[in-house]
Amino acid sequence: MRTIGEFYKEEILAKKGVVVRDLPSGAGETRIVRDLFGWRLCSGKECIECRSEEEARYLKIFLDAGVREIGVPADDQLLKDILPRLERLKSRTFAIIDSYLETVLNRKIRERVRHDVLAEITKFQDDSPSGETVSPTH
């Protein structure tokens, strides 16, 4: 199974027309909100405007994985095409992580391990000659 980072590198970064977006801090419940002016992705009290529901769903996947900055395809059709596959990948990945963490009773340890694992799987290999590992997380 591909990691979220591998999917991001192969399916998003490989395409032209990627716009980098800063995501909310991730403190609090993450939700997608439709209002009079369009779509917003909110985490706690912090919200960012999104151009469509698909962009909000895409950004939510990476926000839930702990990413603070991510590239978004500028092409709306490409975004619609990759979104179902990315959502399935996230769902399977989170289910696997959660199944292993069921045995960890301490909530703080469980959340820390979950965060560390998610940070690891959102990493991708840079194409630089050094092959340095780069993570979109902060």
N, C-alpha and C. Protein backbone atom coordinates (compact mmCIF):
# COMPACT_ATOMS: atom_id res chain seq x y z
N MET A 1 0.85 -1.19 0.00
CA MET A 1 0.00 0.00 0.00
C MET A 1 0.89 1.24 0.00
N ARG A 2 0.55 2.18 -0.86
CA ARG A 2 1.30 3.44 -0.90
C ARG A 2 1.01 4.27 0.33
N THR A 3 2.00 5.06 0.73
CA THR A 3 1.77 5.99 1.83
C THR A 3 1.15 7.27 1.27
N ILE A 4 0.64 8.09 2.15
CA ILE A 4 0.07 9.37 1.74
C ILE A 4 1.15 10.23 1.09
N GLY A 5 2.37 10.19 1.64
CA GLY A 5 3.49 10.94 1.07
C GLY A 5 3.85 10.49 -0.33
N GLU A 6 3.84 9.17 -0.56
CA GLU A 6 4.12 8.66 -1.90
C GLU A 6 3.04 9.08 -2.89
N PHE A 7 1.79 8.99 -2.47
CA PHE A 7 0.68 9.43 -3.33
C PHE A 7 0.84 10.90 -3.68
N TYR A 8 1.15 11.71 -2.68
CA TYR A 8 1.33 13.15 -2.88
C TYR A 8 2.44 13.42 -3.90
N LYS A 9 3.57 12.74 -3.74
CA LYS A 9 4.69 12.97 -4.65
C LYS A 9 4.36 12.52 -6.07
N GLU A 10 3.77 11.35 -6.20
CA GLU A 10 3.51 10.77 -7.52
C GLU A 10 2.31 11.38 -8.24
N GLU A 11 1.26 11.70 -7.51
CA GLU A 11 0.01 12.14 -8.13
C GLU A 11 -0.19 13.65 -8.13
N ILE A 12 0.47 14.36 -7.24
CA ILE A 12 0.24 15.81 -7.15
C ILE A 12 1.48 16.59 -7.55
N LEU A 13 2.61 16.32 -6.89
CA LEU A 13 3.83 17.08 -7.19
C LEU A 13 4.32 16.84 -8.61
N ALA A 14 4.02 15.69 -9.17
CA ALA A 14 4.45 15.37 -10.54
C ALA A 14 3.69 16.19 -11.59
N LYS A 15 2.58 16.78 -11.20
CA LYS A 15 1.76 17.56 -12.14
C LYS A 15 2.16 19.04 -12.09
N LYS A 16 1.85 19.73 -13.16
CA LYS A 16 2.10 21.17 -13.19
C LYS A 16 0.90 21.90 -12.60
N GLY A 17 1.14 23.11 -12.12
CA GLY A 17 0.05 23.93 -11.62
C GLY A 17 -0.35 23.58 -10.19
N VAL A 18 0.63 23.44 -9.31
CA VAL A 18 0.35 23.17 -7.90
C VAL A 18 0.52 24.46 -7.12
N VAL A 19 -0.49 24.79 -6.33
CA VAL A 19 -0.49 26.00 -5.51
C VAL A 19 -0.30 25.59 -4.06
N VAL A 20 0.68 26.20 -3.38
CA VAL A 20 0.95 25.86 -1.99
C VAL A 20 0.00 26.62 -1.08
N ARG A 21 -0.63 25.87 -0.15
CA ARG A 21 -1.57 26.46 0.81
C ARG A 21 -1.10 26.17 2.23
N ASP A 22 -1.22 27.18 3.09
CA ASP A 22 -0.98 27.00 4.52
C ASP A 22 -2.28 26.50 5.13
N LEU A 23 -2.18 25.53 6.02
CA LEU A 23 -3.35 24.96 6.66
C LEU A 23 -3.50 25.51 8.08
N PRO A 24 -4.71 25.45 8.63
CA PRO A 24 -4.89 25.89 10.02
C PRO A 24 -4.00 25.08 10.96
N SER A 25 -3.88 25.55 12.17
CA SER A 25 -2.95 24.94 13.14
C SER A 25 -3.32 23.51 13.50
N GLY A 26 -4.54 23.10 13.31
CA GLY A 26 -4.93 21.74 13.65
C GLY A 26 -5.34 21.58 15.09
N ALA A 27 -5.49 22.68 15.81
CA ALA A 27 -5.91 22.62 17.21
C ALA A 27 -7.43 22.61 17.27
N GLY A 28 -8.02 21.46 17.56
CA GLY A 28 -9.47 21.37 17.67
C GLY A 28 -10.06 20.52 16.58
N GLU A 29 -11.37 20.41 16.60
CA GLU A 29 -12.10 19.60 15.62
C GLU A 29 -11.94 20.19 14.22
N THR A 30 -11.70 19.33 13.25
CA THR A 30 -11.56 19.74 11.86
C THR A 30 -12.90 19.53 11.17
N ARG A 31 -13.36 20.58 10.46
CA ARG A 31 -14.65 20.47 9.79
C ARG A 31 -14.67 21.33 8.53
N ILE A 32 -15.54 20.92 7.61
CA ILE A 32 -15.75 21.66 6.37
C ILE A 32 -17.08 22.38 6.50
N VAL A 33 -17.07 23.68 6.22
CA VAL A 33 -18.25 24.51 6.41
C VAL A 33 -18.61 25.20 5.11
N ARG A 34 -19.88 25.14 4.75
CA ARG A 34 -20.36 25.90 3.61
C ARG A 34 -21.12 27.11 4.16
N ASP A 35 -20.78 28.28 3.66
CA ASP A 35 -21.48 29.48 4.09
C ASP A 35 -21.90 30.28 2.86
N LEU A 36 -22.38 31.46 3.08
CA LEU A 36 -22.88 32.31 2.00
C LEU A 36 -21.82 32.60 0.94
N PHE A 37 -20.57 32.64 1.32
CA PHE A 37 -19.50 33.02 0.40
C PHE A 37 -18.74 31.84 -0.20
N GLY A 38 -19.06 30.62 0.18
CA GLY A 38 -18.38 29.46 -0.38
C GLY A 38 -18.03 28.44 0.69
N TRP A 39 -16.87 27.81 0.53
CA TRP A 39 -16.45 26.71 1.40
C TRP A 39 -15.26 27.15 2.25
N ARG A 40 -15.25 26.65 3.49
CA ARG A 40 -14.15 26.92 4.40
C ARG A 40 -13.74 25.62 5.09
N LEU A 41 -12.45 25.52 5.39
CA LEU A 41 -11.94 24.43 6.21
C LEU A 41 -11.57 25.03 7.55
N CYS A 42 -12.16 24.49 8.60
CA CYS A 42 -11.94 25.04 9.93
C CYS A 42 -11.33 24.01 10.86
N SER A 43 -10.45 24.47 11.70
CA SER A 43 -9.86 23.65 12.75
C SER A 43 -9.85 24.50 14.00
N GLY A 44 -10.68 24.09 14.97
CA GLY A 44 -10.86 24.93 16.14
C GLY A 44 -11.54 26.22 15.72
N LYS A 45 -10.93 27.35 16.06
CA LYS A 45 -11.49 28.65 15.68
C LYS A 45 -10.86 29.22 14.41
N GLU A 46 -9.86 28.55 13.89
CA GLU A 46 -9.14 29.02 12.71
C GLU A 46 -9.73 28.41 11.45
N CYS A 47 -9.98 29.25 10.42
CA CYS A 47 -10.57 28.79 9.16
C CYS A 47 -9.79 29.34 7.98
N ILE A 48 -9.82 28.60 6.87
CA ILE A 48 -9.26 29.09 5.61
C ILE A 48 -10.32 28.94 4.54
N GLU A 49 -10.33 29.87 3.59
CA GLU A 49 -11.27 29.82 2.48
C GLU A 49 -10.81 28.79 1.45
N CYS A 50 -11.76 28.10 0.86
CA CYS A 50 -11.47 27.11 -0.18
C CYS A 50 -12.29 27.45 -1.41
N ARG A 51 -11.78 27.13 -2.59
CA ARG A 51 -12.48 27.48 -3.82
C ARG A 51 -13.62 26.54 -4.14
N SER A 52 -13.61 25.33 -3.50
CA SER A 52 -14.68 24.37 -3.76
C SER A 52 -14.74 23.37 -2.60
N GLU A 53 -15.81 22.58 -2.60
CA GLU A 53 -15.92 21.53 -1.59
C GLU A 53 -14.79 20.51 -1.78
N GLU A 54 -14.41 20.21 -3.02
CA GLU A 54 -13.34 19.26 -3.29
C GLU A 54 -12.02 19.74 -2.71
N GLU A 55 -11.73 21.03 -2.87
CA GLU A 55 -10.48 21.55 -2.31
C GLU A 55 -10.51 21.45 -0.79
N ALA A 56 -11.64 21.74 -0.17
CA ALA A 56 -11.76 21.64 1.29
C ALA A 56 -11.56 20.19 1.74
N ARG A 57 -12.15 19.23 1.03
CA ARG A 57 -11.98 17.81 1.38
C ARG A 57 -10.53 17.38 1.21
N TYR A 58 -9.89 17.83 0.14
CA TYR A 58 -8.48 17.52 -0.12
C TYR A 58 -7.61 18.06 1.03
N LEU A 59 -7.80 19.33 1.36
CA LEU A 59 -7.00 19.95 2.42
C LEU A 59 -7.25 19.29 3.77
N LYS A 60 -8.48 18.87 4.02
CA LYS A 60 -8.82 18.22 5.29
C LYS A 60 -8.04 16.92 5.48
N ILE A 61 -7.84 16.18 4.40
CA ILE A 61 -7.07 14.94 4.48
C ILE A 61 -5.68 15.22 5.03
N PHE A 62 -5.02 16.23 4.49
CA PHE A 62 -3.66 16.53 4.92
C PHE A 62 -3.64 17.20 6.29
N LEU A 63 -4.64 18.02 6.59
CA LEU A 63 -4.72 18.62 7.92
C LEU A 63 -4.90 17.54 8.98
N ASP A 64 -5.75 16.56 8.71
CA ASP A 64 -5.96 15.44 9.64
C ASP A 64 -4.68 14.62 9.83
N ALA A 65 -3.82 14.61 8.81
CA ALA A 65 -2.56 13.88 8.89
C ALA A 65 -1.46 14.71 9.56
N GLY A 66 -1.78 15.94 9.95
CA GLY A 66 -0.81 16.77 10.67
C GLY A 66 0.05 17.66 9.80
N VAL A 67 -0.30 17.79 8.53
CA VAL A 67 0.47 18.62 7.61
C VAL A 67 0.08 20.08 7.80
N ARG A 68 1.05 20.97 7.74
CA ARG A 68 0.78 22.40 7.94
C ARG A 68 0.80 23.20 6.64
N GLU A 69 1.45 22.66 5.60
CA GLU A 69 1.54 23.34 4.31
C GLU A 69 1.53 22.26 3.23
N ILE A 70 0.72 22.47 2.19
CA ILE A 70 0.58 21.42 1.17
C ILE A 70 0.29 22.04 -0.19
N GLY A 71 0.73 21.36 -1.23
CA GLY A 71 0.45 21.79 -2.60
C GLY A 71 -0.91 21.27 -3.03
N VAL A 72 -1.68 22.13 -3.67
CA VAL A 72 -3.02 21.79 -4.15
C VAL A 72 -3.04 21.94 -5.66
N PRO A 73 -3.53 20.93 -6.38
CA PRO A 73 -3.64 21.08 -7.83
C PRO A 73 -4.53 22.27 -8.19
N ALA A 74 -4.06 23.11 -9.09
CA ALA A 74 -4.85 24.26 -9.53
C ALA A 74 -5.97 23.81 -10.47
N ASP A 75 -5.79 22.68 -11.11
CA ASP A 75 -6.77 22.13 -12.04
C ASP A 75 -7.89 21.44 -11.26
N ASP A 76 -9.09 22.00 -11.31
CA ASP A 76 -10.22 21.45 -10.55
C ASP A 76 -10.57 20.03 -10.99
N GLN A 77 -10.43 19.73 -12.28
CA GLN A 77 -10.75 18.37 -12.75
C GLN A 77 -9.76 17.35 -12.20
N LEU A 78 -8.49 17.70 -12.16
CA LEU A 78 -7.49 16.81 -11.57
C LEU A 78 -7.80 16.57 -10.10
N LEU A 79 -8.16 17.63 -9.40
CA LEU A 79 -8.52 17.51 -7.98
C LEU A 79 -9.70 16.56 -7.80
N LYS A 80 -10.72 16.69 -8.63
CA LYS A 80 -11.88 15.79 -8.56
C LYS A 80 -11.50 14.35 -8.87
N ASP A 81 -10.57 14.16 -9.80
CA ASP A 81 -10.16 12.82 -10.20
C ASP A 81 -9.36 12.09 -9.12
N ILE A 82 -8.48 12.81 -8.43
CA ILE A 82 -7.62 12.15 -7.44
C ILE A 82 -8.26 12.05 -6.06
N LEU A 83 -9.24 12.89 -5.78
CA LEU A 83 -9.82 12.96 -4.44
C LEU A 83 -10.37 11.63 -3.93
N PRO A 84 -11.16 10.88 -4.69
CA PRO A 84 -11.67 9.60 -4.16
C PRO A 84 -10.56 8.61 -3.79
N ARG A 85 -9.52 8.54 -4.61
CA ARG A 85 -8.41 7.64 -4.31
C ARG A 85 -7.66 8.08 -3.05
N LEU A 86 -7.47 9.39 -2.92
CA LEU A 86 -6.78 9.92 -1.74
C LEU A 86 -7.61 9.70 -0.48
N GLU A 87 -8.92 9.87 -0.57
CA GLU A 87 -9.79 9.64 0.59
C GLU A 87 -9.79 8.17 1.01
N ARG A 88 -9.79 7.25 0.04
CA ARG A 88 -9.70 5.82 0.37
C ARG A 88 -8.36 5.48 1.02
N LEU A 89 -7.28 6.06 0.51
CA LEU A 89 -5.96 5.84 1.07
C LEU A 89 -5.89 6.33 2.51
N LYS A 90 -6.44 7.52 2.75
CA LYS A 90 -6.45 8.06 4.11
C LYS A 90 -7.27 7.16 5.02
N SER A 91 -8.42 6.74 4.58
CA SER A 91 -9.29 5.89 5.40
C SER A 91 -8.60 4.59 5.77
N ARG A 92 -8.00 3.93 4.79
CA ARG A 92 -7.30 2.67 5.06
C ARG A 92 -6.11 2.89 5.98
N THR A 93 -5.34 3.95 5.73
CA THR A 93 -4.17 4.25 6.54
C THR A 93 -4.55 4.51 7.99
N PHE A 94 -5.56 5.35 8.20
CA PHE A 94 -5.98 5.66 9.57
C PHE A 94 -6.54 4.43 10.27
N ALA A 95 -7.26 3.57 9.53
CA ALA A 95 -7.81 2.34 10.12
C ALA A 95 -6.69 1.41 10.58
N ILE A 96 -5.65 1.28 9.78
CA ILE A 96 -4.52 0.42 10.15
C ILE A 96 -3.82 0.98 11.39
N ILE A 97 -3.54 2.27 11.39
CA ILE A 97 -2.88 2.88 12.55
C ILE A 97 -3.73 2.69 13.80
N ASP A 98 -5.02 2.97 13.69
CA ASP A 98 -5.91 2.86 14.85
C ASP A 98 -6.03 1.43 15.35
N SER A 99 -5.97 0.45 14.45
CA SER A 99 -6.06 -0.94 14.89
C SER A 99 -4.85 -1.33 15.74
N TYR A 100 -3.68 -0.83 15.39
CA TYR A 100 -2.49 -1.11 16.20
C TYR A 100 -2.51 -0.35 17.52
N LEU A 101 -3.09 0.83 17.51
CA LEU A 101 -3.08 1.66 18.72
C LEU A 101 -4.18 1.31 19.72
N GLU A 102 -5.08 0.39 19.35
CA GLU A 102 -6.14 -0.02 20.28
C GLU A 102 -5.58 -0.57 21.58
N THR A 103 -4.41 -1.17 21.52
CA THR A 103 -3.83 -1.79 22.71
C THR A 103 -3.10 -0.80 23.61
N VAL A 104 -2.90 0.44 23.13
CA VAL A 104 -2.25 1.46 23.95
C VAL A 104 -3.32 2.14 24.78
N LEU A 105 -3.26 1.96 26.08
CA LEU A 105 -4.31 2.46 26.97
C LEU A 105 -4.16 3.93 27.32
N ASN A 106 -2.93 4.40 27.42
CA ASN A 106 -2.69 5.79 27.79
C ASN A 106 -3.01 6.69 26.59
N ARG A 107 -3.99 7.57 26.74
CA ARG A 107 -4.45 8.43 25.65
C ARG A 107 -3.35 9.34 25.12
N LYS A 108 -2.54 9.92 26.02
CA LYS A 108 -1.47 10.82 25.57
C LYS A 108 -0.42 10.09 24.75
N ILE A 109 -0.06 8.90 25.18
CA ILE A 109 0.92 8.11 24.43
C ILE A 109 0.33 7.70 23.09
N ARG A 110 -0.93 7.28 23.08
CA ARG A 110 -1.60 6.87 21.85
C ARG A 110 -1.62 8.02 20.84
N GLU A 111 -1.97 9.22 21.29
CA GLU A 111 -2.02 10.38 20.39
C GLU A 111 -0.63 10.75 19.88
N ARG A 112 0.38 10.64 20.75
CA ARG A 112 1.75 10.97 20.35
C ARG A 112 2.26 9.99 19.28
N VAL A 113 2.02 8.70 19.52
CA VAL A 113 2.45 7.68 18.55
C VAL A 113 1.71 7.88 17.23
N ARG A 114 0.41 8.13 17.31
CA ARG A 114 -0.39 8.37 16.09
C ARG A 114 0.17 9.55 15.31
N HIS A 115 0.49 10.64 16.01
CA HIS A 115 1.06 11.83 15.38
C HIS A 115 2.40 11.50 14.72
N ASP A 116 3.26 10.76 15.42
CA ASP A 116 4.58 10.42 14.88
C ASP A 116 4.47 9.53 13.64
N VAL A 117 3.57 8.56 13.68
CA VAL A 117 3.38 7.68 12.53
C VAL A 117 2.85 8.48 11.34
N LEU A 118 1.87 9.34 11.57
CA LEU A 118 1.32 10.15 10.49
C LEU A 118 2.38 11.09 9.91
N ALA A 119 3.23 11.64 10.76
CA ALA A 119 4.30 12.50 10.26
C ALA A 119 5.25 11.72 9.37
N GLU A 120 5.52 10.48 9.74
CA GLU A 120 6.42 9.64 8.94
C GLU A 120 5.82 9.28 7.59
N ILE A 121 4.54 8.98 7.54
CA ILE A 121 3.95 8.54 6.27
C ILE A 121 3.58 9.70 5.35
N THR A 122 3.67 10.93 5.83
CA THR A 122 3.44 12.06 4.93
C THR A 122 4.75 12.59 4.37
N LYS A 123 5.86 11.94 4.73
CA LYS A 123 7.16 12.33 4.17
C LYS A 123 7.28 11.80 2.75
N PHE A 124 8.12 12.45 1.98
CA PHE A 124 8.42 11.98 0.63
C PHE A 124 9.88 12.29 0.35
N GLN A 125 10.46 11.55 -0.58
CA GLN A 125 11.86 11.74 -0.94
C GLN A 125 11.97 12.90 -1.92
N ASP A 126 12.83 13.83 -1.61
CA ASP A 126 13.12 14.95 -2.49
C ASP A 126 13.89 14.44 -3.70
N ASP A 127 13.70 15.08 -4.85
CA ASP A 127 14.41 14.68 -6.06
C ASP A 127 15.80 15.30 -6.14
N SER A 128 16.24 15.95 -5.08
CA SER A 128 17.56 16.56 -5.10
C SER A 128 18.63 15.47 -5.11
N PRO A 129 19.85 15.79 -5.58
CA PRO A 129 20.91 14.79 -5.66
C PRO A 129 21.22 14.15 -4.31
N SER A 130 21.03 14.88 -3.23
CA SER A 130 21.34 14.32 -1.91
C SER A 130 20.30 13.30 -1.48
N GLY A 131 19.09 13.33 -2.09
CA GLY A 131 18.03 12.40 -1.73
C GLY A 131 17.50 12.68 -0.33
N GLU A 132 17.66 13.90 0.12
CA GLU A 132 17.25 14.28 1.46
C GLU A 132 15.75 14.06 1.65
N THR A 133 15.38 13.58 2.81
CA THR A 133 13.98 13.37 3.12
C THR A 133 13.36 14.70 3.51
N VAL A 134 12.23 15.00 2.89
CA VAL A 134 11.52 16.25 3.15
C VAL A 134 10.13 15.92 3.60
N SER A 135 9.63 16.65 4.58
CA SER A 135 8.27 16.43 5.05
C SER A 135 7.51 17.72 4.96
N PRO A 136 6.26 17.69 4.48
CA PRO A 136 5.45 18.90 4.44
C PRO A 136 4.94 19.29 5.81
N THR A 137 5.24 18.50 6.85
CA THR A 137 4.81 18.85 8.20
C THR A 137 5.81 19.79 8.83
N HIS A 138 5.36 20.52 9.81
CA HIS A 138 6.24 21.42 10.57
C HIS A 138 6.34 20.99 11.98
